[in-house]
Amino acid sequence: KSIVNRVAKTHEDGWKTGSTGWRYHWNPEEAKKLILRTHTTATTIRYLADHEKPPIKVFSVDRVYRNEKMDYKSLAEFHQIEGIIMDKNVTLRDLIGTLKEFYLKLGLKRVRFWPSYFPYTEPSAQSTVYVPKLKKWFELCGMGVFRPEVTAPLGVKYPVLAWGGGLERLIMLKLGVDDIRLLYKNDLGWIRRTAVCQ
């Protein structure tokens, strides 16, 4: 109950975070409504609420929904991979280094990072990888350091690095698939031609 009260105050006036909040009345009945989740941050936030002391490393994979047009690189329903790292002096630079190593181990060599905006993190960044077969750069994940408005109501006093991206997109890039929708189609011809499916 006390976490809920702190979250409500943070939304309404910033509570003790140094922010002015979003300046609206936080309605507990609205917050209880069931929705299709757009990301898995609730999983990592719940873990942080129960584990306030560093070091912490959490990784989750779960299904999410986005109200987006499906195309060769985007699905409306997919599996999000998400992670957080909490430690005393971690920075966005540490997160970029961790993700760069992760991508290299997957065989993704041309990766770049640049500043971006996400409402829950500051500073924030995006990562993309170059796909020679398609001659295009693909977005891989968003990342950043959780803002105090996220961590303070949970009692967390240390920096928390967070990132999230689509598992299917990584699979697509790793396997050299040029249309992400093929991963869920019942195309017997494609299955027979694709080595990993045999």
N, C-alpha and C. Protein backbone atom coordinates (compact mmCIF):
# COMPACT_ATOMS: atom_id res chain seq x y z
N LYS A 1 0.84 -1.21 0.00
CA LYS A 1 0.00 0.00 0.00
C LYS A 1 0.87 1.26 0.00
N SER A 2 1.98 1.26 0.76
CA SER A 2 2.82 2.45 0.81
C SER A 2 3.49 2.72 -0.55
N ILE A 3 3.86 1.65 -1.28
CA ILE A 3 4.44 1.85 -2.62
C ILE A 3 3.39 2.49 -3.53
N VAL A 4 2.16 2.02 -3.46
CA VAL A 4 1.09 2.58 -4.29
C VAL A 4 0.92 4.07 -3.98
N ASN A 5 0.94 4.44 -2.70
CA ASN A 5 0.81 5.85 -2.32
C ASN A 5 1.97 6.68 -2.87
N ARG A 6 3.18 6.14 -2.80
CA ARG A 6 4.35 6.88 -3.31
C ARG A 6 4.28 7.02 -4.84
N VAL A 7 3.83 5.98 -5.51
CA VAL A 7 3.67 6.05 -6.97
C VAL A 7 2.62 7.11 -7.32
N ALA A 8 1.50 7.12 -6.60
CA ALA A 8 0.45 8.11 -6.84
C ALA A 8 0.99 9.53 -6.67
N LYS A 9 1.71 9.76 -5.57
CA LYS A 9 2.27 11.10 -5.31
C LYS A 9 3.28 11.49 -6.39
N THR A 10 4.06 10.52 -6.85
CA THR A 10 5.05 10.80 -7.90
C THR A 10 4.34 11.23 -9.18
N HIS A 11 3.25 10.57 -9.54
CA HIS A 11 2.48 10.97 -10.72
C HIS A 11 1.88 12.36 -10.54
N GLU A 12 1.37 12.63 -9.37
CA GLU A 12 0.62 13.88 -9.16
C GLU A 12 1.51 15.10 -9.00
N ASP A 13 2.57 15.00 -8.18
CA ASP A 13 3.39 16.19 -7.93
C ASP A 13 4.89 15.92 -7.88
N GLY A 14 5.30 14.72 -8.24
CA GLY A 14 6.73 14.40 -8.23
C GLY A 14 7.23 13.79 -6.94
N TRP A 15 6.42 13.85 -5.88
CA TRP A 15 6.78 13.31 -4.56
C TRP A 15 8.14 13.87 -4.15
N LYS A 16 9.12 13.02 -3.81
CA LYS A 16 10.43 13.49 -3.36
C LYS A 16 11.51 13.27 -4.42
N THR A 17 11.11 13.25 -5.69
CA THR A 17 12.05 12.88 -6.75
C THR A 17 12.75 14.08 -7.39
N GLY A 18 12.31 15.30 -7.08
CA GLY A 18 12.87 16.47 -7.74
C GLY A 18 12.11 16.82 -9.02
N SER A 19 11.13 16.03 -9.37
CA SER A 19 10.31 16.24 -10.56
C SER A 19 9.01 16.94 -10.15
N THR A 20 8.32 17.51 -11.11
CA THR A 20 7.00 18.08 -10.83
C THR A 20 5.90 17.05 -11.08
N GLY A 21 6.29 15.84 -11.48
CA GLY A 21 5.30 14.82 -11.78
C GLY A 21 4.58 15.13 -13.08
N TRP A 22 3.53 14.38 -13.32
CA TRP A 22 2.75 14.61 -14.54
C TRP A 22 1.53 15.48 -14.28
N ARG A 23 1.35 15.87 -13.03
CA ARG A 23 0.33 16.83 -12.61
C ARG A 23 -1.09 16.44 -13.00
N TYR A 24 -1.43 15.22 -12.71
CA TYR A 24 -2.81 14.78 -12.88
C TYR A 24 -3.17 13.93 -11.67
N HIS A 25 -4.46 13.76 -11.43
CA HIS A 25 -4.91 12.93 -10.32
C HIS A 25 -4.73 11.46 -10.71
N TRP A 26 -3.91 10.74 -9.96
CA TRP A 26 -3.68 9.32 -10.21
C TRP A 26 -4.86 8.55 -9.64
N ASN A 27 -5.52 7.80 -10.50
CA ASN A 27 -6.74 7.10 -10.12
C ASN A 27 -6.45 5.61 -9.92
N PRO A 28 -6.57 5.09 -8.69
CA PRO A 28 -6.27 3.67 -8.45
C PRO A 28 -7.19 2.73 -9.23
N GLU A 29 -8.43 3.13 -9.47
CA GLU A 29 -9.35 2.29 -10.24
C GLU A 29 -8.89 2.17 -11.70
N GLU A 30 -8.39 3.27 -12.24
CA GLU A 30 -7.85 3.24 -13.60
C GLU A 30 -6.61 2.35 -13.67
N ALA A 31 -5.77 2.43 -12.65
CA ALA A 31 -4.54 1.63 -12.61
C ALA A 31 -4.83 0.13 -12.48
N LYS A 32 -5.98 -0.24 -11.94
CA LYS A 32 -6.33 -1.66 -11.77
C LYS A 32 -6.89 -2.30 -13.04
N LYS A 33 -7.20 -1.49 -14.04
CA LYS A 33 -7.80 -2.03 -15.26
C LYS A 33 -6.82 -2.96 -15.97
N LEU A 34 -7.36 -4.03 -16.52
CA LEU A 34 -6.54 -4.98 -17.26
C LEU A 34 -6.29 -4.46 -18.68
N ILE A 35 -5.06 -4.58 -19.12
CA ILE A 35 -4.71 -4.17 -20.47
C ILE A 35 -3.74 -5.19 -21.06
N LEU A 36 -3.60 -5.18 -22.38
CA LEU A 36 -2.55 -5.96 -23.01
C LEU A 36 -1.26 -5.18 -22.80
N ARG A 37 -0.28 -5.81 -22.19
CA ARG A 37 0.93 -5.05 -21.86
C ARG A 37 1.78 -4.78 -23.10
N THR A 38 2.36 -3.59 -23.13
CA THR A 38 3.19 -3.17 -24.25
C THR A 38 4.67 -3.41 -24.00
N HIS A 39 5.03 -3.68 -22.77
CA HIS A 39 6.42 -4.00 -22.42
C HIS A 39 6.41 -4.79 -21.13
N THR A 40 7.57 -5.33 -20.77
CA THR A 40 7.64 -6.21 -19.59
C THR A 40 8.25 -5.51 -18.38
N THR A 41 8.28 -4.19 -18.40
CA THR A 41 8.89 -3.45 -17.30
C THR A 41 8.23 -3.75 -15.96
N ALA A 42 6.96 -4.09 -15.96
CA ALA A 42 6.28 -4.43 -14.69
C ALA A 42 6.99 -5.59 -13.99
N THR A 43 7.53 -6.52 -14.75
CA THR A 43 8.25 -7.65 -14.17
C THR A 43 9.51 -7.19 -13.45
N THR A 44 10.30 -6.35 -14.10
CA THR A 44 11.54 -5.90 -13.48
C THR A 44 11.27 -4.91 -12.35
N ILE A 45 10.24 -4.09 -12.49
CA ILE A 45 9.88 -3.16 -11.41
C ILE A 45 9.45 -3.92 -10.16
N ARG A 46 8.67 -4.96 -10.35
CA ARG A 46 8.24 -5.78 -9.21
C ARG A 46 9.45 -6.39 -8.50
N TYR A 47 10.43 -6.85 -9.29
CA TYR A 47 11.64 -7.42 -8.69
C TYR A 47 12.40 -6.35 -7.91
N LEU A 48 12.53 -5.15 -8.48
CA LEU A 48 13.21 -4.06 -7.78
C LEU A 48 12.51 -3.70 -6.48
N ALA A 49 11.18 -3.72 -6.48
CA ALA A 49 10.43 -3.39 -5.27
C ALA A 49 10.75 -4.35 -4.13
N ASP A 50 11.09 -5.59 -4.47
CA ASP A 50 11.42 -6.60 -3.45
C ASP A 50 12.91 -6.71 -3.17
N HIS A 51 13.76 -6.06 -3.97
CA HIS A 51 15.22 -6.16 -3.83
C HIS A 51 15.83 -4.78 -4.03
N GLU A 52 15.94 -4.00 -2.95
CA GLU A 52 16.39 -2.61 -3.05
C GLU A 52 17.90 -2.46 -3.05
N LYS A 53 18.64 -3.50 -2.68
CA LYS A 53 20.09 -3.38 -2.50
C LYS A 53 20.84 -4.03 -3.66
N PRO A 54 21.91 -3.36 -4.11
CA PRO A 54 22.72 -3.92 -5.20
C PRO A 54 23.67 -5.00 -4.68
N PRO A 55 24.25 -5.78 -5.56
CA PRO A 55 24.07 -5.77 -7.01
C PRO A 55 22.88 -6.63 -7.42
N ILE A 56 22.24 -6.22 -8.50
CA ILE A 56 21.10 -6.97 -9.04
C ILE A 56 21.25 -7.04 -10.56
N LYS A 57 21.01 -8.22 -11.10
CA LYS A 57 20.92 -8.42 -12.55
C LYS A 57 19.69 -9.27 -12.80
N VAL A 58 18.75 -8.75 -13.59
CA VAL A 58 17.50 -9.45 -13.88
C VAL A 58 17.30 -9.46 -15.39
N PHE A 59 16.88 -10.61 -15.90
CA PHE A 59 16.63 -10.76 -17.33
C PHE A 59 15.28 -11.44 -17.48
N SER A 60 14.43 -10.93 -18.36
CA SER A 60 13.13 -11.57 -18.56
C SER A 60 12.80 -11.65 -20.05
N VAL A 61 12.01 -12.65 -20.38
CA VAL A 61 11.50 -12.82 -21.74
C VAL A 61 10.01 -13.09 -21.60
N ASP A 62 9.18 -12.28 -22.25
CA ASP A 62 7.74 -12.51 -22.16
C ASP A 62 7.03 -11.87 -23.34
N ARG A 63 5.79 -12.25 -23.52
CA ARG A 63 4.99 -11.81 -24.66
C ARG A 63 4.39 -10.43 -24.40
N VAL A 64 4.41 -9.58 -25.44
CA VAL A 64 3.84 -8.24 -25.36
C VAL A 64 3.04 -7.94 -26.62
N TYR A 65 2.27 -6.86 -26.57
CA TYR A 65 1.41 -6.46 -27.68
C TYR A 65 1.66 -4.99 -28.00
N ARG A 66 1.73 -4.65 -29.27
CA ARG A 66 1.83 -3.27 -29.70
C ARG A 66 0.79 -3.02 -30.78
N ASN A 67 0.11 -1.90 -30.69
CA ASN A 67 -0.89 -1.53 -31.69
C ASN A 67 -0.17 -0.87 -32.86
N GLU A 68 0.55 -1.69 -33.62
CA GLU A 68 1.36 -1.19 -34.73
C GLU A 68 1.07 -1.99 -35.99
N LYS A 69 1.34 -1.37 -37.10
CA LYS A 69 1.19 -2.05 -38.39
C LYS A 69 2.30 -3.09 -38.54
N MET A 70 1.91 -4.31 -38.90
CA MET A 70 2.90 -5.35 -39.12
C MET A 70 3.57 -5.13 -40.47
N ASP A 71 4.88 -5.33 -40.50
CA ASP A 71 5.62 -5.28 -41.75
C ASP A 71 6.79 -6.26 -41.67
N TYR A 72 7.73 -6.16 -42.58
CA TYR A 72 8.82 -7.14 -42.65
C TYR A 72 9.72 -7.17 -41.42
N LYS A 73 9.66 -6.11 -40.57
CA LYS A 73 10.52 -6.10 -39.38
C LYS A 73 9.75 -5.87 -38.08
N SER A 74 8.43 -5.79 -38.13
CA SER A 74 7.63 -5.51 -36.93
C SER A 74 6.43 -6.43 -36.83
N LEU A 75 6.18 -6.90 -35.61
CA LEU A 75 5.00 -7.72 -35.32
C LEU A 75 4.13 -6.98 -34.32
N ALA A 76 2.83 -7.24 -34.33
CA ALA A 76 1.93 -6.64 -33.34
C ALA A 76 2.05 -7.36 -32.00
N GLU A 77 2.40 -8.63 -32.04
CA GLU A 77 2.57 -9.44 -30.84
C GLU A 77 3.93 -10.12 -30.94
N PHE A 78 4.76 -9.96 -29.91
CA PHE A 78 6.09 -10.54 -29.97
C PHE A 78 6.61 -10.81 -28.56
N HIS A 79 7.78 -11.39 -28.47
CA HIS A 79 8.43 -11.66 -27.18
C HIS A 79 9.46 -10.56 -26.92
N GLN A 80 9.31 -9.89 -25.79
CA GLN A 80 10.27 -8.86 -25.43
C GLN A 80 11.32 -9.45 -24.51
N ILE A 81 12.58 -9.14 -24.81
CA ILE A 81 13.66 -9.46 -23.89
C ILE A 81 13.98 -8.16 -23.16
N GLU A 82 14.11 -8.25 -21.87
CA GLU A 82 14.34 -7.05 -21.07
C GLU A 82 15.31 -7.39 -19.95
N GLY A 83 16.10 -6.42 -19.59
CA GLY A 83 17.02 -6.64 -18.48
C GLY A 83 17.26 -5.38 -17.70
N ILE A 84 17.68 -5.58 -16.45
CA ILE A 84 18.11 -4.46 -15.62
C ILE A 84 19.39 -4.86 -14.89
N ILE A 85 20.20 -3.86 -14.60
CA ILE A 85 21.38 -4.03 -13.77
C ILE A 85 21.36 -2.89 -12.76
N MET A 86 21.43 -3.23 -11.47
CA MET A 86 21.54 -2.20 -10.44
C MET A 86 22.85 -2.42 -9.70
N ASP A 87 23.64 -1.36 -9.63
CA ASP A 87 24.87 -1.41 -8.84
C ASP A 87 25.23 0.01 -8.43
N LYS A 88 26.24 0.15 -7.58
CA LYS A 88 26.50 1.45 -6.97
C LYS A 88 26.90 2.54 -7.95
N ASN A 89 27.74 2.28 -8.91
CA ASN A 89 28.23 3.34 -9.77
C ASN A 89 28.08 3.05 -11.26
N VAL A 90 27.06 2.30 -11.65
CA VAL A 90 26.89 1.97 -13.06
C VAL A 90 26.36 3.18 -13.84
N THR A 91 26.74 3.23 -15.12
CA THR A 91 26.34 4.34 -15.98
C THR A 91 25.83 3.81 -17.32
N LEU A 92 25.31 4.70 -18.12
CA LEU A 92 24.86 4.32 -19.46
C LEU A 92 26.01 3.72 -20.26
N ARG A 93 27.21 4.20 -20.03
CA ARG A 93 28.38 3.65 -20.73
C ARG A 93 28.56 2.17 -20.42
N ASP A 94 28.34 1.77 -19.16
CA ASP A 94 28.41 0.36 -18.79
C ASP A 94 27.36 -0.46 -19.54
N LEU A 95 26.17 0.10 -19.66
CA LEU A 95 25.09 -0.60 -20.36
C LEU A 95 25.41 -0.76 -21.85
N ILE A 96 25.93 0.28 -22.46
CA ILE A 96 26.30 0.20 -23.87
C ILE A 96 27.38 -0.86 -24.07
N GLY A 97 28.36 -0.91 -23.18
CA GLY A 97 29.40 -1.94 -23.26
C GLY A 97 28.84 -3.34 -23.12
N THR A 98 27.91 -3.53 -22.19
CA THR A 98 27.28 -4.84 -21.97
C THR A 98 26.51 -5.28 -23.22
N LEU A 99 25.72 -4.36 -23.78
CA LEU A 99 24.92 -4.71 -24.96
C LEU A 99 25.79 -4.92 -26.20
N LYS A 100 26.86 -4.15 -26.31
CA LYS A 100 27.77 -4.34 -27.45
C LYS A 100 28.37 -5.74 -27.41
N GLU A 101 28.78 -6.18 -26.23
CA GLU A 101 29.33 -7.54 -26.07
C GLU A 101 28.27 -8.60 -26.39
N PHE A 102 27.04 -8.38 -25.94
CA PHE A 102 25.92 -9.28 -26.22
C PHE A 102 25.71 -9.42 -27.72
N TYR A 103 25.67 -8.29 -28.43
CA TYR A 103 25.46 -8.32 -29.88
C TYR A 103 26.62 -9.01 -30.60
N LEU A 104 27.86 -8.74 -30.16
CA LEU A 104 29.01 -9.38 -30.79
C LEU A 104 28.96 -10.89 -30.63
N LYS A 105 28.54 -11.37 -29.46
CA LYS A 105 28.43 -12.81 -29.23
C LYS A 105 27.36 -13.44 -30.12
N LEU A 106 26.38 -12.64 -30.55
CA LEU A 106 25.36 -13.12 -31.49
C LEU A 106 25.84 -13.04 -32.94
N GLY A 107 27.04 -12.48 -33.14
CA GLY A 107 27.57 -12.35 -34.49
C GLY A 107 27.14 -11.07 -35.19
N LEU A 108 26.55 -10.14 -34.46
CA LEU A 108 26.12 -8.86 -35.03
C LEU A 108 27.27 -7.87 -34.86
N LYS A 109 27.97 -7.57 -35.94
CA LYS A 109 29.23 -6.84 -35.84
C LYS A 109 29.11 -5.32 -35.98
N ARG A 110 28.27 -4.85 -36.89
CA ARG A 110 28.15 -3.40 -37.11
C ARG A 110 26.97 -2.87 -36.29
N VAL A 111 27.28 -2.46 -35.07
CA VAL A 111 26.26 -1.96 -34.14
C VAL A 111 26.59 -0.51 -33.81
N ARG A 112 25.56 0.32 -33.71
CA ARG A 112 25.79 1.70 -33.30
C ARG A 112 24.74 2.10 -32.27
N PHE A 113 25.09 3.08 -31.47
CA PHE A 113 24.24 3.59 -30.40
C PHE A 113 24.13 5.10 -30.57
N TRP A 114 22.96 5.65 -30.25
CA TRP A 114 22.80 7.09 -30.30
C TRP A 114 21.76 7.52 -29.27
N PRO A 115 21.79 8.81 -28.84
CA PRO A 115 20.84 9.30 -27.85
C PRO A 115 19.41 9.19 -28.34
N SER A 116 18.50 8.96 -27.41
CA SER A 116 17.08 8.83 -27.74
C SER A 116 16.26 9.32 -26.55
N TYR A 117 14.95 9.19 -26.64
CA TYR A 117 14.06 9.57 -25.54
C TYR A 117 13.13 8.41 -25.21
N PHE A 118 13.07 8.08 -23.93
CA PHE A 118 12.07 7.17 -23.38
C PHE A 118 11.59 7.78 -22.07
N PRO A 119 10.29 7.72 -21.78
CA PRO A 119 9.77 8.42 -20.60
C PRO A 119 10.27 7.88 -19.26
N TYR A 120 10.74 6.64 -19.21
CA TYR A 120 11.14 6.05 -17.92
C TYR A 120 12.63 6.13 -17.65
N THR A 121 13.42 6.52 -18.66
CA THR A 121 14.87 6.53 -18.49
C THR A 121 15.46 7.87 -18.90
N GLU A 122 16.58 8.23 -18.23
CA GLU A 122 17.33 9.42 -18.59
C GLU A 122 18.72 9.31 -17.98
N PRO A 123 19.78 9.30 -18.76
CA PRO A 123 19.81 9.39 -20.21
C PRO A 123 19.26 8.12 -20.86
N SER A 124 18.91 8.25 -22.13
CA SER A 124 18.36 7.13 -22.91
C SER A 124 19.11 7.01 -24.23
N ALA A 125 19.09 5.81 -24.80
CA ALA A 125 19.76 5.58 -26.08
C ALA A 125 19.03 4.48 -26.85
N GLN A 126 19.36 4.37 -28.13
CA GLN A 126 18.86 3.31 -29.01
C GLN A 126 20.07 2.56 -29.57
N SER A 127 19.87 1.32 -29.96
CA SER A 127 20.92 0.61 -30.67
C SER A 127 20.35 0.10 -31.99
N THR A 128 21.22 0.09 -33.01
CA THR A 128 20.85 -0.47 -34.30
C THR A 128 22.00 -1.34 -34.80
N VAL A 129 21.67 -2.25 -35.70
CA VAL A 129 22.67 -3.12 -36.31
C VAL A 129 22.49 -3.05 -37.82
N TYR A 130 23.61 -3.10 -38.53
CA TYR A 130 23.54 -3.09 -39.99
C TYR A 130 23.38 -4.51 -40.50
N VAL A 131 22.41 -4.69 -41.41
CA VAL A 131 22.15 -6.01 -42.00
C VAL A 131 22.57 -5.94 -43.47
N PRO A 132 23.74 -6.52 -43.80
CA PRO A 132 24.24 -6.44 -45.18
C PRO A 132 23.28 -7.00 -46.22
N LYS A 133 22.62 -8.12 -45.91
CA LYS A 133 21.70 -8.75 -46.87
C LYS A 133 20.59 -7.79 -47.30
N LEU A 134 20.10 -6.99 -46.35
CA LEU A 134 19.01 -6.05 -46.65
C LEU A 134 19.52 -4.63 -46.92
N LYS A 135 20.83 -4.41 -46.68
CA LYS A 135 21.45 -3.10 -46.84
C LYS A 135 20.71 -2.03 -46.04
N LYS A 136 20.37 -2.38 -44.78
CA LYS A 136 19.63 -1.46 -43.91
C LYS A 136 20.12 -1.58 -42.48
N TRP A 137 19.88 -0.50 -41.72
CA TRP A 137 20.11 -0.51 -40.27
C TRP A 137 18.79 -0.88 -39.60
N PHE A 138 18.83 -1.78 -38.62
CA PHE A 138 17.64 -2.21 -37.89
C PHE A 138 17.75 -1.80 -36.43
N GLU A 139 16.66 -1.27 -35.89
CA GLU A 139 16.62 -0.96 -34.47
C GLU A 139 16.60 -2.27 -33.69
N LEU A 140 17.44 -2.34 -32.65
CA LEU A 140 17.48 -3.54 -31.81
C LEU A 140 16.80 -3.33 -30.47
N CYS A 141 17.17 -2.27 -29.76
CA CYS A 141 16.53 -2.08 -28.46
C CYS A 141 16.68 -0.64 -27.99
N GLY A 142 15.82 -0.30 -27.03
CA GLY A 142 15.91 0.96 -26.32
C GLY A 142 16.55 0.70 -24.97
N MET A 143 17.20 1.71 -24.43
CA MET A 143 17.92 1.51 -23.16
C MET A 143 18.08 2.83 -22.44
N GLY A 144 18.45 2.74 -21.17
CA GLY A 144 18.73 3.94 -20.41
C GLY A 144 18.88 3.65 -18.94
N VAL A 145 18.99 4.74 -18.16
CA VAL A 145 19.08 4.66 -16.70
C VAL A 145 17.71 5.08 -16.16
N PHE A 146 17.10 4.21 -15.36
CA PHE A 146 15.77 4.53 -14.81
C PHE A 146 15.79 5.88 -14.11
N ARG A 147 14.79 6.68 -14.37
CA ARG A 147 14.63 7.98 -13.73
C ARG A 147 14.28 7.80 -12.25
N PRO A 148 14.56 8.81 -11.41
CA PRO A 148 14.19 8.73 -9.99
C PRO A 148 12.68 8.53 -9.79
N GLU A 149 11.86 9.03 -10.72
CA GLU A 149 10.41 8.84 -10.60
C GLU A 149 10.03 7.36 -10.65
N VAL A 150 10.89 6.53 -11.25
CA VAL A 150 10.65 5.10 -11.32
C VAL A 150 11.20 4.40 -10.08
N THR A 151 12.41 4.74 -9.68
CA THR A 151 13.10 3.99 -8.62
C THR A 151 12.80 4.49 -7.20
N ALA A 152 12.66 5.79 -7.00
CA ALA A 152 12.46 6.32 -5.65
C ALA A 152 11.22 5.77 -4.94
N PRO A 153 10.06 5.67 -5.60
CA PRO A 153 8.90 5.10 -4.90
C PRO A 153 9.10 3.66 -4.44
N LEU A 154 10.06 2.96 -5.05
CA LEU A 154 10.35 1.57 -4.67
C LEU A 154 11.36 1.49 -3.54
N GLY A 155 11.96 2.62 -3.17
CA GLY A 155 12.99 2.62 -2.14
C GLY A 155 14.39 2.37 -2.68
N VAL A 156 14.55 2.34 -4.00
CA VAL A 156 15.85 2.08 -4.63
C VAL A 156 16.66 3.37 -4.66
N LYS A 157 17.89 3.30 -4.15
CA LYS A 157 18.73 4.49 -4.06
C LYS A 157 19.96 4.43 -4.97
N TYR A 158 20.02 3.45 -5.85
CA TYR A 158 21.18 3.25 -6.71
C TYR A 158 20.76 3.31 -8.18
N PRO A 159 21.72 3.59 -9.08
CA PRO A 159 21.36 3.62 -10.50
C PRO A 159 20.92 2.25 -11.00
N VAL A 160 19.91 2.26 -11.86
CA VAL A 160 19.39 1.02 -12.46
C VAL A 160 19.43 1.19 -13.98
N LEU A 161 20.23 0.35 -14.63
CA LEU A 161 20.31 0.33 -16.09
C LEU A 161 19.21 -0.57 -16.61
N ALA A 162 18.53 -0.16 -17.67
CA ALA A 162 17.42 -0.95 -18.21
C ALA A 162 17.47 -0.96 -19.73
N TRP A 163 17.08 -2.09 -20.31
CA TRP A 163 16.98 -2.19 -21.76
C TRP A 163 15.91 -3.19 -22.14
N GLY A 164 15.40 -3.05 -23.37
CA GLY A 164 14.40 -3.98 -23.86
C GLY A 164 14.34 -3.97 -25.38
N GLY A 165 14.05 -5.13 -25.94
CA GLY A 165 13.94 -5.26 -27.39
C GLY A 165 13.20 -6.52 -27.77
N GLY A 166 12.98 -6.71 -29.05
CA GLY A 166 12.21 -7.86 -29.52
C GLY A 166 13.08 -9.07 -29.80
N LEU A 167 12.70 -10.20 -29.22
CA LEU A 167 13.42 -11.46 -29.43
C LEU A 167 13.33 -11.90 -30.89
N GLU A 168 12.14 -11.80 -31.47
CA GLU A 168 11.95 -12.22 -32.86
C GLU A 168 12.84 -11.44 -33.82
N ARG A 169 13.06 -10.17 -33.53
CA ARG A 169 13.93 -9.38 -34.41
C ARG A 169 15.37 -9.89 -34.34
N LEU A 170 15.82 -10.23 -33.13
CA LEU A 170 17.16 -10.81 -33.00
C LEU A 170 17.26 -12.14 -33.74
N ILE A 171 16.22 -12.97 -33.62
CA ILE A 171 16.20 -14.26 -34.32
C ILE A 171 16.24 -14.02 -35.83
N MET A 172 15.45 -13.07 -36.29
CA MET A 172 15.41 -12.73 -37.71
C MET A 172 16.81 -12.37 -38.22
N LEU A 173 17.50 -11.52 -37.46
CA LEU A 173 18.83 -11.07 -37.87
C LEU A 173 19.85 -12.20 -37.79
N LYS A 174 19.78 -12.99 -36.75
CA LYS A 174 20.72 -14.10 -36.56
C LYS A 174 20.58 -15.14 -37.66
N LEU A 175 19.34 -15.43 -38.07
CA LEU A 175 19.09 -16.46 -39.08
C LEU A 175 19.12 -15.93 -40.52
N GLY A 176 19.22 -14.60 -40.67
CA GLY A 176 19.22 -14.02 -42.00
C GLY A 176 17.86 -14.02 -42.67
N VAL A 177 16.80 -14.02 -41.88
CA VAL A 177 15.43 -13.99 -42.41
C VAL A 177 15.11 -12.56 -42.83
N ASP A 178 14.57 -12.37 -44.03
CA ASP A 178 14.31 -11.01 -44.50
C ASP A 178 12.89 -10.51 -44.24
N ASP A 179 12.04 -11.34 -43.63
CA ASP A 179 10.69 -10.92 -43.26
C ASP A 179 10.31 -11.60 -41.95
N ILE A 180 10.19 -10.81 -40.90
CA ILE A 180 9.94 -11.34 -39.55
C ILE A 180 8.63 -12.13 -39.46
N ARG A 181 7.68 -11.82 -40.32
CA ARG A 181 6.39 -12.52 -40.31
C ARG A 181 6.53 -14.00 -40.65
N LEU A 182 7.59 -14.36 -41.37
CA LEU A 182 7.82 -15.77 -41.73
C LEU A 182 8.01 -16.65 -40.50
N LEU A 183 8.46 -16.06 -39.39
CA LEU A 183 8.68 -16.84 -38.17
C LEU A 183 7.38 -17.43 -37.63
N TYR A 184 6.24 -16.84 -37.97
CA TYR A 184 4.95 -17.31 -37.45
C TYR A 184 3.99 -17.82 -38.53
N LYS A 185 4.41 -17.78 -39.78
CA LYS A 185 3.54 -18.30 -40.85
C LYS A 185 3.70 -19.81 -40.95
N ASN A 186 2.68 -20.46 -41.43
CA ASN A 186 2.74 -21.90 -41.66
C ASN A 186 3.10 -22.17 -43.11
N ASP A 187 4.24 -21.64 -43.53
CA ASP A 187 4.70 -21.79 -44.90
C ASP A 187 5.63 -22.99 -44.97
N LEU A 188 5.10 -24.13 -45.38
CA LEU A 188 5.87 -25.37 -45.40
C LEU A 188 7.10 -25.26 -46.30
N GLY A 189 6.97 -24.55 -47.41
CA GLY A 189 8.12 -24.36 -48.31
C GLY A 189 9.25 -23.63 -47.62
N TRP A 190 8.92 -22.55 -46.90
CA TRP A 190 9.94 -21.79 -46.17
C TRP A 190 10.57 -22.65 -45.09
N ILE A 191 9.75 -23.41 -44.38
CA ILE A 191 10.27 -24.29 -43.32
C ILE A 191 11.25 -25.30 -43.91
N ARG A 192 10.93 -25.86 -45.05
CA ARG A 192 11.81 -26.85 -45.69
C ARG A 192 13.11 -26.22 -46.19
N ARG A 193 13.06 -24.96 -46.59
CA ARG A 193 14.26 -24.28 -47.11
C ARG A 193 15.14 -23.70 -46.00
N THR A 194 14.62 -23.58 -44.79
CA THR A 194 15.34 -22.92 -43.71
C THR A 194 16.03 -23.95 -42.83
N ALA A 195 17.35 -23.89 -42.81
CA ALA A 195 18.16 -24.93 -42.14
C ALA A 195 17.80 -25.10 -40.67
N VAL A 196 17.58 -24.01 -39.96
CA VAL A 196 17.32 -24.11 -38.52
C VAL A 196 16.00 -24.84 -38.22
N CYS A 197 15.10 -24.89 -39.17
CA CYS A 197 13.80 -25.56 -38.98
C CYS A 197 13.86 -27.06 -39.22
N GLN A 198 14.97 -27.56 -39.70
CA GLN A 198 15.06 -28.97 -40.07
C GLN A 198 15.71 -29.81 -39.00
